[in-house]
Amino acid sequence: MRPPTEPEVLAELAGMLTVVLDDCGLGDAEVTMQTRFTEDLGLESIDLVTLAGQLRERWGDRINFAEFVAGMELDEIIGLTVGRLVEYVVDRLQPGERA
């Protein structure tokens, strides 16, 4: 099975975000690679925890959101874009990456 491409991951991530945003009453937001989780979508830390669970459910233990953000400074987390997460997911799902 081939690893997913960036457009495929973006589409799936946008679907996950739609669910999270619907719960917040923001379901109409457009999600692109440049969309920022906090500034554009208004997500709070609890929303990111929900998203982290969805990511792990979909792609397994190779996608660890907490590990992904652990090395970031606070301003990097606040400015985190969907595209940066998409790139992380695609990279982690490449053949030969550790599980």
Protein backbone atom coordinates (compact mmCIF):
# COMPACT_ATOMS: atom_id res chain seq x y z
CA MET A 1 0.00 0.00 0.00
CA ARG A 2 1.43 3.37 -1.00
CA PRO A 3 1.72 6.21 1.48
CA PRO A 4 -0.78 9.07 1.13
CA THR A 5 0.08 12.23 -0.77
CA GLU A 6 -0.13 15.76 0.63
CA PRO A 7 -3.46 16.48 -1.15
CA GLU A 8 -4.92 13.23 0.23
CA VAL A 9 -3.79 13.99 3.78
CA LEU A 10 -5.03 17.58 3.47
CA ALA A 11 -8.46 16.33 2.39
CA GLU A 12 -8.67 13.88 5.29
CA LEU A 13 -7.40 16.44 7.78
CA ALA A 14 -9.92 18.99 6.49
CA GLY A 15 -12.65 16.41 7.12
CA MET A 16 -11.41 15.85 10.67
CA LEU A 17 -11.27 19.58 11.27
CA THR A 18 -14.82 20.01 9.96
CA VAL A 19 -16.02 17.64 12.69
CA VAL A 20 -14.05 19.52 15.37
CA LEU A 21 -15.19 22.90 14.03
CA ASP A 22 -18.83 21.79 13.84
CA ASP A 23 -18.65 21.02 17.55
CA CYS A 24 -17.43 24.62 18.06
CA GLY A 25 -20.01 26.12 15.69
CA LEU A 26 -17.36 27.02 13.09
CA GLY A 27 -18.00 24.33 10.48
CA ASP A 28 -17.91 26.67 7.46
CA ALA A 29 -14.22 27.57 7.71
CA GLU A 30 -12.07 26.88 4.65
CA VAL A 31 -9.08 24.64 5.35
CA THR A 32 -5.95 25.05 3.20
CA MET A 33 -2.25 24.34 3.67
CA GLN A 34 -1.83 27.93 4.92
CA THR A 35 -4.68 27.79 7.44
CA ARG A 36 -3.49 28.37 11.01
CA PHE A 37 -5.11 26.23 13.69
CA THR A 38 -5.29 28.93 16.36
CA GLU A 39 -5.44 32.23 14.48
CA ASP A 40 -7.63 31.22 11.52
CA LEU A 41 -9.74 28.39 12.94
CA GLY A 42 -9.87 29.54 16.55
CA LEU A 43 -9.00 26.11 17.90
CA GLU A 44 -8.13 25.83 21.56
CA SER A 45 -5.92 23.25 23.24
CA ILE A 46 -8.84 20.90 23.92
CA ASP A 47 -9.72 20.99 20.21
CA LEU A 48 -6.14 20.04 19.35
CA VAL A 49 -6.39 17.12 21.79
CA THR A 50 -9.52 15.96 19.95
CA LEU A 51 -7.73 16.32 16.62
CA ALA A 52 -4.74 14.38 17.98
CA GLY A 53 -7.06 11.50 18.85
CA GLN A 54 -8.57 11.54 15.37
CA LEU A 55 -5.11 11.53 13.78
CA ARG A 56 -4.03 8.54 15.85
CA GLU A 57 -7.29 6.72 15.15
CA ARG A 58 -6.87 7.23 11.40
CA TRP A 59 -3.13 6.65 10.97
CA GLY A 60 -2.07 4.83 14.13
CA ASP A 61 0.83 5.35 16.49
CA ARG A 62 3.13 6.69 13.77
CA ILE A 63 1.24 9.97 14.00
CA ASN A 64 1.84 11.40 17.46
CA PHE A 65 0.64 15.00 17.68
CA ALA A 66 2.12 15.53 21.14
CA GLU A 67 5.53 14.40 19.88
CA PHE A 68 5.12 16.63 16.82
CA VAL A 69 4.59 19.80 18.86
CA ALA A 70 6.91 18.87 21.76
CA GLY A 71 9.96 20.48 20.17
CA MET A 72 8.18 23.69 19.18
CA GLU A 73 8.29 27.06 20.89
CA LEU A 74 4.96 28.52 22.03
CA ASP A 75 4.83 31.01 19.13
CA GLU A 76 5.39 28.14 16.66
CA ILE A 77 2.46 26.22 18.16
CA ILE A 78 0.25 29.32 18.04
CA GLY A 79 1.19 29.89 14.38
CA LEU A 80 1.01 26.21 13.42
CA THR A 81 -0.45 25.69 9.96
CA VAL A 82 -2.43 22.80 8.56
CA GLY A 83 0.29 22.45 5.92
CA ARG A 84 3.00 21.83 8.49
CA LEU A 85 0.90 19.06 10.06
CA VAL A 86 0.15 17.60 6.61
CA GLU A 87 3.88 17.50 5.84
CA TYR A 88 4.55 15.77 9.18
CA VAL A 89 1.89 13.12 8.50
CA VAL A 90 3.13 12.44 4.97
CA ASP A 91 6.73 12.22 6.20
CA ARG A 92 5.87 9.85 9.06
CA LEU A 93 3.89 7.53 6.77
CA GLN A 94 6.72 7.06 4.28
CA PRO A 95 8.06 3.50 4.01
CA GLY A 96 10.96 2.91 6.36
CA GLU A 97 9.86 5.45 8.97
CA ARG A 98 9.85 4.09 12.50
CA ALA A 99 6.51 3.00 13.89
